[in-house]
Amino acid sequence: GILWHVLPLVVSLASYILLILSLGRHTQQMQQNGSSSSDPS
């Protein structure tokens, strides 16, 4: 019955990883453009 919890855990982990990667790319783009890293996005 514990296995019912595995799928939502995997989906949440995937969402977290995608947000981390997106933040990294966005921060890199902001640095290249010489903009502030504390923008709303």
PDB file of all heavy atoms in Angstrom:
ATOM      1  N   GLY A   1       0.815  -1.214   0.000  1.00  0.00           N
ATOM      2  CA  GLY A   1       0.000   0.000   0.000  1.00  0.00           C
ATOM      3  C   GLY A   1       0.845   1.258   0.000  1.00  0.00           C
ATOM      4  O   GLY A   1       0.391   2.334  -0.407  1.00  0.00           O
ATOM      5  N   ILE A   2       2.096   1.141   0.436  1.00  0.00           N
ATOM      6  CA  ILE A   2       3.012   2.286   0.451  1.00  0.00           C
ATOM      7  C   ILE A   2       3.288   2.773  -0.973  1.00  0.00           C
ATOM      8  O   ILE A   2       3.531   3.967  -1.190  1.00  0.00           O
ATOM      9  CB  ILE A   2       4.334   1.899   1.158  1.00  0.00           C
ATOM     10  CG1 ILE A   2       4.069   1.485   2.599  1.00  0.00           C
ATOM     11  CG2 ILE A   2       5.341   3.033   1.119  1.00  0.00           C
ATOM     12  CD1 ILE A   2       5.288   0.960   3.326  1.00  0.00           C
ATOM     13  N   LEU A   3       3.239   1.862  -1.951  1.00  0.00           N
ATOM     14  CA  LEU A   3       3.601   2.213  -3.323  1.00  0.00           C
ATOM     15  C   LEU A   3       2.652   3.234  -3.946  1.00  0.00           C
ATOM     16  O   LEU A   3       3.006   3.868  -4.947  1.00  0.00           O
ATOM     17  CB  LEU A   3       3.635   0.949  -4.190  1.00  0.00           C
ATOM     18  CG  LEU A   3       4.704  -0.089  -3.809  1.00  0.00           C
ATOM     19  CD1 LEU A   3       4.619  -1.299  -4.729  1.00  0.00           C
ATOM     20  CD2 LEU A   3       6.100   0.539  -3.868  1.00  0.00           C
ATOM     21  N   TRP A   4       1.456   3.416  -3.359  1.00  0.00           N
ATOM     22  CA  TRP A   4       0.534   4.430  -3.871  1.00  0.00           C
ATOM     23  C   TRP A   4       1.140   5.834  -3.743  1.00  0.00           C
ATOM     24  O   TRP A   4       0.716   6.766  -4.424  1.00  0.00           O
ATOM     25  CB  TRP A   4      -0.791   4.378  -3.124  1.00  0.00           C
ATOM     26  CG  TRP A   4      -1.669   3.225  -3.501  1.00  0.00           C
ATOM     27  CD1 TRP A   4      -1.807   2.051  -2.838  1.00  0.00           C
ATOM     28  CD2 TRP A   4      -2.555   3.145  -4.633  1.00  0.00           C
ATOM     29  NE1 TRP A   4      -2.706   1.224  -3.483  1.00  0.00           N
ATOM     30  CE2 TRP A   4      -3.187   1.884  -4.583  1.00  0.00           C
ATOM     31  CE3 TRP A   4      -2.870   4.014  -5.672  1.00  0.00           C
ATOM     32  CZ2 TRP A   4      -4.111   1.471  -5.536  1.00  0.00           C
ATOM     33  CZ3 TRP A   4      -3.804   3.609  -6.626  1.00  0.00           C
ATOM     34  CH2 TRP A   4      -4.404   2.347  -6.547  1.00  0.00           C
ATOM     35  N   HIS A   5       2.136   5.987  -2.845  1.00  0.00           N
ATOM     36  CA  HIS A   5       2.732   7.302  -2.621  1.00  0.00           C
ATOM     37  C   HIS A   5       3.886   7.607  -3.579  1.00  0.00           C
ATOM     38  O   HIS A   5       4.357   8.747  -3.630  1.00  0.00           O
ATOM     39  CB  HIS A   5       3.271   7.394  -1.181  1.00  0.00           C
ATOM     40  CG  HIS A   5       2.214   7.275  -0.134  1.00  0.00           C
ATOM     41  ND1 HIS A   5       1.782   6.058   0.339  1.00  0.00           N
ATOM     42  CD2 HIS A   5       1.505   8.215   0.545  1.00  0.00           C
ATOM     43  CE1 HIS A   5       0.857   6.240   1.263  1.00  0.00           C
ATOM     44  NE2 HIS A   5       0.662   7.546   1.398  1.00  0.00           N
ATOM     45  N   VAL A   6       4.347   6.593  -4.323  1.00  0.00           N
ATOM     46  CA  VAL A   6       5.554   6.780  -5.136  1.00  0.00           C
ATOM     47  C   VAL A   6       5.306   7.731  -6.308  1.00  0.00           C
ATOM     48  O   VAL A   6       6.118   8.634  -6.574  1.00  0.00           O
ATOM     49  CB  VAL A   6       6.060   5.420  -5.648  1.00  0.00           C
ATOM     50  CG1 VAL A   6       7.211   5.627  -6.629  1.00  0.00           C
ATOM     51  CG2 VAL A   6       6.507   4.554  -4.473  1.00  0.00           C
ATOM     52  N   LEU A   7       4.179   7.568  -7.011  1.00  0.00           N
ATOM     53  CA  LEU A   7       3.916   8.377  -8.198  1.00  0.00           C
ATOM     54  C   LEU A   7       3.840   9.883  -7.885  1.00  0.00           C
ATOM     55  O   LEU A   7       4.499  10.679  -8.576  1.00  0.00           O
ATOM     56  CB  LEU A   7       2.636   7.900  -8.891  1.00  0.00           C
ATOM     57  CG  LEU A   7       2.282   8.603 -10.206  1.00  0.00           C
ATOM     58  CD1 LEU A   7       3.428   8.476 -11.207  1.00  0.00           C
ATOM     59  CD2 LEU A   7       0.992   8.014 -10.788  1.00  0.00           C
ATOM     60  N   PRO A   8       3.058  10.330  -6.883  1.00  0.00           N
ATOM     61  CA  PRO A   8       3.069  11.771  -6.590  1.00  0.00           C
ATOM     62  C   PRO A   8       4.431  12.280  -6.148  1.00  0.00           C
ATOM     63  O   PRO A   8       4.786  13.428  -6.431  1.00  0.00           O
ATOM     64  CB  PRO A   8       2.029  11.914  -5.464  1.00  0.00           C
ATOM     65  CG  PRO A   8       1.845  10.558  -4.904  1.00  0.00           C
ATOM     66  CD  PRO A   8       2.084   9.621  -6.036  1.00  0.00           C
ATOM     67  N   LEU A   9       5.210  11.431  -5.492  1.00  0.00           N
ATOM     68  CA  LEU A   9       6.560  11.836  -5.092  1.00  0.00           C
ATOM     69  C   LEU A   9       7.433  12.078  -6.318  1.00  0.00           C
ATOM     70  O   LEU A   9       8.156  13.082  -6.389  1.00  0.00           O
ATOM     71  CB  LEU A   9       7.183  10.757  -4.200  1.00  0.00           C
ATOM     72  CG  LEU A   9       8.635  10.987  -3.761  1.00  0.00           C
ATOM     73  CD1 LEU A   9       8.741  12.251  -2.925  1.00  0.00           C
ATOM     74  CD2 LEU A   9       9.152   9.780  -2.980  1.00  0.00           C
ATOM     75  N   VAL A  10       7.339  11.194  -7.309  1.00  0.00           N
ATOM     76  CA  VAL A  10       8.133  11.330  -8.533  1.00  0.00           C
ATOM     77  C   VAL A  10       7.713  12.581  -9.309  1.00  0.00           C
ATOM     78  O   VAL A  10       8.555  13.342  -9.805  1.00  0.00           O
ATOM     79  CB  VAL A  10       7.977  10.070  -9.413  1.00  0.00           C
ATOM     80  CG1 VAL A  10       8.619  10.280 -10.781  1.00  0.00           C
ATOM     81  CG2 VAL A  10       8.604   8.868  -8.727  1.00  0.00           C
ATOM     82  N   VAL A  11       6.400  12.824  -9.410  1.00  0.00           N
ATOM     83  CA  VAL A  11       5.901  13.993 -10.141  1.00  0.00           C
ATOM     84  C   VAL A  11       6.350  15.282  -9.459  1.00  0.00           C
ATOM     85  O   VAL A  11       6.789  16.235 -10.119  1.00  0.00           O
ATOM     86  CB  VAL A  11       4.360  13.946 -10.247  1.00  0.00           C
ATOM     87  CG1 VAL A  11       3.820  15.225 -10.872  1.00  0.00           C
ATOM     88  CG2 VAL A  11       3.922  12.744 -11.076  1.00  0.00           C
ATOM     89  N   SER A  12       6.270  15.335  -8.129  1.00  0.00           N
ATOM     90  CA  SER A  12       6.708  16.523  -7.390  1.00  0.00           C
ATOM     91  C   SER A  12       8.207  16.743  -7.544  1.00  0.00           C
ATOM     92  O   SER A  12       8.664  17.883  -7.698  1.00  0.00           O
ATOM     93  CB  SER A  12       6.358  16.378  -5.900  1.00  0.00           C
ATOM     94  OG  SER A  12       4.967  16.309  -5.709  1.00  0.00           O
ATOM     95  N   LEU A  13       8.963  15.665  -7.503  1.00  0.00           N
ATOM     96  CA  LEU A  13      10.410  15.776  -7.676  1.00  0.00           C
ATOM     97  C   LEU A  13      10.759  16.289  -9.069  1.00  0.00           C
ATOM     98  O   LEU A  13      11.656  17.137  -9.220  1.00  0.00           O
ATOM     99  CB  LEU A  13      11.059  14.405  -7.435  1.00  0.00           C
ATOM    100  CG  LEU A  13      12.591  14.355  -7.433  1.00  0.00           C
ATOM    101  CD1 LEU A  13      13.154  15.248  -6.329  1.00  0.00           C
ATOM    102  CD2 LEU A  13      13.078  12.919  -7.255  1.00  0.00           C
ATOM    103  N   ALA A  14      10.027  15.824 -10.078  1.00  0.00           N
ATOM    104  CA  ALA A  14      10.255  16.296 -11.454  1.00  0.00           C
ATOM    105  C   ALA A  14       9.950  17.788 -11.569  1.00  0.00           C
ATOM    106  O   ALA A  14      10.694  18.541 -12.221  1.00  0.00           O
ATOM    107  CB  ALA A  14       9.397  15.495 -12.431  1.00  0.00           C
ATOM    108  N   SER A  15       8.862  18.239 -10.930  1.00  0.00           N
ATOM    109  CA  SER A  15       8.511  19.665 -10.951  1.00  0.00           C
ATOM    110  C   SER A  15       9.600  20.500 -10.289  1.00  0.00           C
ATOM    111  O   SER A  15       9.969  21.581 -10.784  1.00  0.00           O
ATOM    112  CB  SER A  15       7.174  19.891 -10.231  1.00  0.00           C
ATOM    113  OG  SER A  15       6.138  19.160 -10.838  1.00  0.00           O
ATOM    114  N   TYR A  16      10.114  20.004  -9.184  1.00  0.00           N
ATOM    115  CA  TYR A  16      11.173  20.716  -8.458  1.00  0.00           C
ATOM    116  C   TYR A  16      12.439  20.827  -9.310  1.00  0.00           C
ATOM    117  O   TYR A  16      13.047  21.910  -9.409  1.00  0.00           O
ATOM    118  CB  TYR A  16      11.464  19.979  -7.149  1.00  0.00           C
ATOM    119  CG  TYR A  16      12.616  20.555  -6.360  1.00  0.00           C
ATOM    120  CD1 TYR A  16      12.497  21.774  -5.711  1.00  0.00           C
ATOM    121  CD2 TYR A  16      13.827  19.878  -6.281  1.00  0.00           C
ATOM    122  CE1 TYR A  16      13.559  22.308  -4.987  1.00  0.00           C
ATOM    123  CE2 TYR A  16      14.896  20.400  -5.565  1.00  0.00           C
ATOM    124  CZ  TYR A  16      14.745  21.614  -4.920  1.00  0.00           C
ATOM    125  OH  TYR A  16      15.792  22.143  -4.214  1.00  0.00           O
ATOM    126  N   ILE A  17      12.822  19.737  -9.953  1.00  0.00           N
ATOM    127  CA  ILE A  17      14.032  19.729 -10.784  1.00  0.00           C
ATOM    128  C   ILE A  17      13.870  20.686 -11.970  1.00  0.00           C
ATOM    129  O   ILE A  17      14.797  21.445 -12.313  1.00  0.00           O
ATOM    130  CB  ILE A  17      14.346  18.305 -11.274  1.00  0.00           C
ATOM    131  CG1 ILE A  17      14.764  17.424 -10.084  1.00  0.00           C
ATOM    132  CG2 ILE A  17      15.455  18.317 -12.323  1.00  0.00           C
ATOM    133  CD1 ILE A  17      14.928  15.963 -10.428  1.00  0.00           C
ATOM    134  N   LEU A  18      12.694  20.684 -12.597  1.00  0.00           N
ATOM    135  CA  LEU A  18      12.449  21.582 -13.726  1.00  0.00           C
ATOM    136  C   LEU A  18      12.530  23.049 -13.292  1.00  0.00           C
ATOM    137  O   LEU A  18      13.074  23.896 -14.018  1.00  0.00           O
ATOM    138  CB  LEU A  18      11.081  21.285 -14.342  1.00  0.00           C
ATOM    139  CG  LEU A  18      10.979  19.993 -15.164  1.00  0.00           C
ATOM    140  CD1 LEU A  18       9.545  19.754 -15.605  1.00  0.00           C
ATOM    141  CD2 LEU A  18      11.906  20.048 -16.378  1.00  0.00           C
ATOM    142  N   LEU A  19      11.997  23.368 -12.124  1.00  0.00           N
ATOM    143  CA  LEU A  19      12.066  24.743 -11.623  1.00  0.00           C
ATOM    144  C   LEU A  19      13.509  25.152 -11.327  1.00  0.00           C
ATOM    145  O   LEU A  19      13.915  26.290 -11.607  1.00  0.00           O
ATOM    146  CB  LEU A  19      11.203  24.890 -10.370  1.00  0.00           C
ATOM    147  CG  LEU A  19       9.711  25.118 -10.613  1.00  0.00           C
ATOM    148  CD1 LEU A  19       8.929  24.971  -9.319  1.00  0.00           C
ATOM    149  CD2 LEU A  19       9.461  26.491 -11.223  1.00  0.00           C
ATOM    150  N   ILE A  20      14.294  24.233 -10.764  1.00  0.00           N
ATOM    151  CA  ILE A  20      15.708  24.512 -10.486  1.00  0.00           C
ATOM    152  C   ILE A  20      16.455  24.792 -11.795  1.00  0.00           C
ATOM    153  O   ILE A  20      17.230  25.773 -11.900  1.00  0.00           O
ATOM    154  CB  ILE A  20      16.356  23.327  -9.745  1.00  0.00           C
ATOM    155  CG1 ILE A  20      15.854  23.248  -8.295  1.00  0.00           C
ATOM    156  CG2 ILE A  20      17.877  23.452  -9.762  1.00  0.00           C
ATOM    157  CD1 ILE A  20      16.399  24.322  -7.393  1.00  0.00           C
ATOM    158  N   LEU A  21      16.236  23.941 -12.820  1.00  0.00           N
ATOM    159  CA  LEU A  21      16.899  24.125 -14.106  1.00  0.00           C
ATOM    160  C   LEU A  21      16.469  25.434 -14.768  1.00  0.00           C
ATOM    161  O   LEU A  21      17.289  26.164 -15.334  1.00  0.00           O
ATOM    162  CB  LEU A  21      16.587  22.941 -15.023  1.00  0.00           C
ATOM    163  CG  LEU A  21      17.150  21.578 -14.603  1.00  0.00           C
ATOM    164  CD1 LEU A  21      16.649  20.476 -15.528  1.00  0.00           C
ATOM    165  CD2 LEU A  21      18.677  21.606 -14.580  1.00  0.00           C
ATOM    166  N   SER A  22      15.166  25.734 -14.671  1.00  0.00           N
ATOM    167  CA  SER A  22      14.660  26.970 -15.266  1.00  0.00           C
ATOM    168  C   SER A  22      15.240  28.192 -14.566  1.00  0.00           C
ATOM    169  O   SER A  22      15.610  29.181 -15.221  1.00  0.00           O
ATOM    170  CB  SER A  22      13.133  27.001 -15.182  1.00  0.00           C
ATOM    171  OG  SER A  22      12.613  28.218 -15.687  1.00  0.00           O
ATOM    172  N   LEU A  23      15.346  28.132 -13.232  1.00  0.00           N
ATOM    173  CA  LEU A  23      15.936  29.248 -12.478  1.00  0.00           C
ATOM    174  C   LEU A  23      17.397  29.442 -12.858  1.00  0.00           C
ATOM    175  O   LEU A  23      17.863  30.583 -13.028  1.00  0.00           O
ATOM    176  CB  LEU A  23      15.817  28.987 -10.975  1.00  0.00           C
ATOM    177  CG  LEU A  23      16.484  30.023 -10.060  1.00  0.00           C
ATOM    178  CD1 LEU A  23      15.879  31.402 -10.271  1.00  0.00           C
ATOM    179  CD2 LEU A  23      16.368  29.597  -8.596  1.00  0.00           C
ATOM    180  N   GLY A  24      18.127  28.338 -13.030  1.00  0.00           N
ATOM    181  CA  GLY A  24      19.534  28.419 -13.419  1.00  0.00           C
ATOM    182  C   GLY A  24      19.706  29.079 -14.780  1.00  0.00           C
ATOM    183  O   GLY A  24      20.568  29.952 -14.957  1.00  0.00           O
ATOM    184  N   ARG A  25      18.870  28.672 -15.740  1.00  0.00           N
ATOM    185  CA  ARG A  25      18.949  29.263 -17.072  1.00  0.00           C
ATOM    186  C   ARG A  25      18.563  30.737 -17.041  1.00  0.00           C
ATOM    187  O   ARG A  25      19.197  31.582 -17.689  1.00  0.00           O
ATOM    188  CB  ARG A  25      18.025  28.510 -18.034  1.00  0.00           C
ATOM    189  CG  ARG A  25      18.488  27.105 -18.375  1.00  0.00           C
ATOM    190  CD  ARG A  25      17.538  26.432 -19.334  1.00  0.00           C
ATOM    191  NE  ARG A  25      17.384  27.228 -20.551  1.00  0.00           N
ATOM    192  CZ  ARG A  25      16.559  26.890 -21.545  1.00  0.00           C
ATOM    193  NH1 ARG A  25      15.835  25.769 -21.447  1.00  0.00           N
ATOM    194  NH2 ARG A  25      16.458  27.647 -22.612  1.00  0.00           N
ATOM    195  N   HIS A  26      17.523  31.051 -16.286  1.00  0.00           N
ATOM    196  CA  HIS A  26      17.068  32.449 -16.213  1.00  0.00           C
ATOM    197  C   HIS A  26      18.127  33.335 -15.565  1.00  0.00           C
ATOM    198  O   HIS A  26      18.398  34.443 -16.046  1.00  0.00           O
ATOM    199  CB  HIS A  26      15.761  32.515 -15.418  1.00  0.00           C
ATOM    200  CG  HIS A  26      15.234  33.905 -15.243  1.00  0.00           C
ATOM    201  ND1 HIS A  26      14.630  34.611 -16.260  1.00  0.00           N
ATOM    202  CD2 HIS A  26      15.244  34.736 -14.164  1.00  0.00           C
ATOM    203  CE1 HIS A  26      14.283  35.806 -15.826  1.00  0.00           C
ATOM    204  NE2 HIS A  26      14.638  35.908 -14.550  1.00  0.00           N
ATOM    205  N   THR A  27      18.738  32.842 -14.483  1.00  0.00           N
ATOM    206  CA  THR A  27      19.789  33.613 -13.796  1.00  0.00           C
ATOM    207  C   THR A  27      20.980  33.846 -14.716  1.00  0.00           C
ATOM    208  O   THR A  27      21.562  34.940 -14.751  1.00  0.00           O
ATOM    209  CB  THR A  27      20.245  32.879 -12.527  1.00  0.00           C
ATOM    210  OG1 THR A  27      19.116  32.648 -11.680  1.00  0.00           O
ATOM    211  CG2 THR A  27      21.269  33.701 -11.760  1.00  0.00           C
ATOM    212  N   GLN A  28      21.339  32.823 -15.482  1.00  0.00           N
ATOM    213  CA  GLN A  28      22.455  32.942 -16.426  1.00  0.00           C
ATOM    214  C   GLN A  28      22.158  33.990 -17.504  1.00  0.00           C
ATOM    215  O   GLN A  28      23.023  34.807 -17.861  1.00  0.00           O
ATOM    216  CB  GLN A  28      22.734  31.586 -17.071  1.00  0.00           C
ATOM    217  CG  GLN A  28      23.997  31.561 -17.934  1.00  0.00           C
ATOM    218  CD  GLN A  28      24.259  30.173 -18.497  1.00  0.00           C
ATOM    219  OE1 GLN A  28      23.406  29.297 -18.444  1.00  0.00           O
ATOM    220  NE2 GLN A  28      25.450  29.980 -19.033  1.00  0.00           N
ATOM    221  N   GLN A  29      20.932  33.992 -18.016  1.00  0.00           N
ATOM    222  CA  GLN A  29      20.538  34.969 -19.026  1.00  0.00           C
ATOM    223  C   GLN A  29      20.562  36.384 -18.456  1.00  0.00           C
ATOM    224  O   GLN A  29      21.000  37.330 -19.128  1.00  0.00           O
ATOM    225  CB  GLN A  29      19.143  34.645 -19.558  1.00  0.00           C
ATOM    226  CG  GLN A  29      19.089  33.395 -20.419  1.00  0.00           C
ATOM    227  CD  GLN A  29      17.668  33.032 -20.813  1.00  0.00           C
ATOM    228  OE1 GLN A  29      16.712  33.683 -20.402  1.00  0.00           O
ATOM    229  NE2 GLN A  29      17.532  31.981 -21.607  1.00  0.00           N
ATOM    230  N   MET A  30      20.104  36.544 -17.208  1.00  0.00           N
ATOM    231  CA  MET A  30      20.099  37.863 -16.573  1.00  0.00           C
ATOM    232  C   MET A  30      21.524  38.374 -16.373  1.00  0.00           C
ATOM    233  O   MET A  30      21.800  39.565 -16.552  1.00  0.00           O
ATOM    234  CB  MET A  30      19.367  37.791 -15.233  1.00  0.00           C
ATOM    235  CG  MET A  30      17.887  37.438 -15.340  1.00  0.00           C
ATOM    236  SD  MET A  30      16.931  38.651 -16.259  1.00  0.00           S
ATOM    237  CE  MET A  30      16.975  40.035 -15.128  1.00  0.00           C
ATOM    238  N   GLN A  31      22.431  37.480 -16.010  1.00  0.00           N
ATOM    239  CA  GLN A  31      23.820  37.888 -15.817  1.00  0.00           C
ATOM    240  C   GLN A  31      24.470  38.289 -17.138  1.00  0.00           C
ATOM    241  O   GLN A  31      25.256  39.241 -17.202  1.00  0.00           O
ATOM    242  CB  GLN A  31      24.604  36.748 -15.164  1.00  0.00           C
ATOM    243  CG  GLN A  31      24.234  36.506 -13.704  1.00  0.00           C
ATOM    244  CD  GLN A  31      24.923  35.290 -13.125  1.00  0.00           C
ATOM    245  OE1 GLN A  31      25.515  34.488 -13.853  1.00  0.00           O
ATOM    246  NE2 GLN A  31      24.845  35.140 -11.807  1.00  0.00           N
ATOM    247  N   GLN A  32      24.143  37.560 -18.197  1.00  0.00           N
ATOM    248  CA  GLN A  32      24.691  37.881 -19.515  1.00  0.00           C
ATOM    249  C   GLN A  32      24.183  39.237 -20.010  1.00  0.00           C
ATOM    250  O   GLN A  32      24.898  39.970 -20.683  1.00  0.00           O
ATOM    251  CB  GLN A  32      24.323  36.793 -20.520  1.00  0.00           C
ATOM    252  CG  GLN A  32      25.064  35.485 -20.292  1.00  0.00           C
ATOM    253  CD  GLN A  32      24.590  34.383 -21.224  1.00  0.00           C
ATOM    254  OE1 GLN A  32      23.616  34.560 -21.959  1.00  0.00           O
ATOM    255  NE2 GLN A  32      25.285  33.250 -21.205  1.00  0.00           N
ATOM    256  N   ASN A  33      22.939  39.563 -19.648  1.00  0.00           N
ATOM    257  CA  ASN A  33      22.356  40.835 -20.061  1.00  0.00           C
ATOM    258  C   ASN A  33      22.712  41.974 -19.117  1.00  0.00           C
ATOM    259  O   ASN A  33      22.341  43.123 -19.376  1.00  0.00           O
ATOM    260  CB  ASN A  33      20.836  40.714 -20.158  1.00  0.00           C
ATOM    261  CG  ASN A  33      20.401  39.728 -21.230  1.00  0.00           C
ATOM    262  OD1 ASN A  33      21.118  39.525 -22.211  1.00  0.00           O
ATOM    263  ND2 ASN A  33      19.243  39.125 -21.045  1.00  0.00           N
ATOM    264  N   GLY A  34      23.416  41.656 -18.023  1.00  0.00           N
ATOM    265  CA  GLY A  34      23.793  42.670 -17.060  1.00  0.00           C
ATOM    266  C   GLY A  34      22.637  43.201 -16.253  1.00  0.00           C
ATOM    267  O   GLY A  34      22.690  44.310 -15.694  1.00  0.00           O
ATOM    268  N   SER A  35      21.544  42.410 -16.143  1.00  0.00           N
ATOM    269  CA  SER A  35      20.360  42.846 -15.394  1.00  0.00           C
ATOM    270  C   SER A  35      20.437  42.366 -13.956  1.00  0.00           C
ATOM    271  O   SER A  35      21.246  41.504 -13.597  1.00  0.00           O
ATOM    272  CB  SER A  35      19.095  42.303 -16.063  1.00  0.00           C
ATOM    273  OG  SER A  35      19.033  42.699 -17.413  1.00  0.00           O
ATOM    274  N   SER A  36      19.551  42.914 -13.128  1.00  0.00           N
ATOM    275  CA  SER A  36      19.493  42.521 -11.725  1.00  0.00           C
ATOM    276  C   SER A  36      18.943  41.110 -11.609  1.00  0.00           C
ATOM    277  O   SER A  36      18.056  40.699 -12.360  1.00  0.00           O
ATOM    278  CB  SER A  36      18.595  43.479 -10.935  1.00  0.00           C
ATOM    279  OG  SER A  36      18.405  43.017  -9.624  1.00  0.00           O
ATOM    280  N   SER A  37      19.490  40.347 -10.659  1.00  0.00           N
ATOM    281  CA  SER A  37      19.051  38.952 -10.453  1.00  0.00           C
ATOM    282  C   SER A  37      17.826  38.850  -9.563  1.00  0.00           C
ATOM    283  O   SER A  37      17.367  37.755  -9.275  1.00  0.00           O
ATOM    284  CB  SER A  37      20.192  38.142  -9.834  1.00  0.00           C
ATOM    285  OG  SER A  37      20.568  38.702  -8.589  1.00  0.00           O
ATOM    286  N   SER A  38      17.307  40.006  -9.121  1.00  0.00           N
ATOM    287  CA  SER A  38      16.145  39.987  -8.227  1.00  0.00           C
ATOM    288  C   SER A  38      14.889  40.471  -8.942  1.00  0.00           C
ATOM    289  O   SER A  38      14.070  41.176  -8.372  1.00  0.00           O
ATOM    290  CB  SER A  38      16.412  40.860  -6.995  1.00  0.00           C
ATOM    291  OG  SER A  38      16.687  42.199  -7.393  1.00  0.00           O
ATOM    292  N   ASP A  39      14.750  40.112 -10.232  1.00  0.00           N
ATOM    293  CA  ASP A  39      13.556  40.506 -10.983  1.00  0.00           C
ATOM    294  C   ASP A  39      12.374  39.653 -10.566  1.00  0.00           C
ATOM    295  O   ASP A  39      12.541  38.619  -9.900  1.00  0.00           O
ATOM    296  CB  ASP A  39      13.822  40.363 -12.486  1.00  0.00           C
ATOM    297  CG  ASP A  39      14.055  38.913 -12.876  1.00  0.00           C
ATOM    298  OD1 ASP A  39      15.039  38.322 -12.362  1.00  0.00           O
ATOM    299  OD2 ASP A  39      13.261  38.366 -13.646  1.00  0.00           O
ATOM    300  N   PRO A  40      11.125  40.013 -10.926  1.00  0.00           N
ATOM    301  CA  PRO A  40       9.934  39.264 -10.506  1.00  0.00           C
ATOM    302  C   PRO A  40       9.963  37.783 -10.885  1.00  0.00           C
ATOM    303  O   PRO A  40       9.519  36.933 -10.111  1.00  0.00           O
ATOM    304  CB  PRO A  40       8.798  40.003 -11.221  1.00  0.00           C
ATOM    305  CG  PRO A  40       9.303  41.397 -11.398  1.00  0.00           C
ATOM    306  CD  PRO A  40      10.775  41.255 -11.635  1.00  0.00           C
ATOM    307  N   SER A  41      10.480  37.458 -12.069  1.00  0.00           N
ATOM    308  CA  SER A  41      10.523  36.056 -12.499  1.00  0.00           C
ATOM    309  C   SER A  41      11.431  35.224 -11.597  1.00  0.00           C
ATOM    310  O   SER A  41      11.092  34.087 -11.229  1.00  0.00           O
ATOM    311  CB  SER A  41      11.006  35.971 -13.949  1.00  0.00           C
ATOM    312  OG  SER A  41      11.084  34.630 -14.373  1.00  0.00           O
TER     313      SER A  41
END
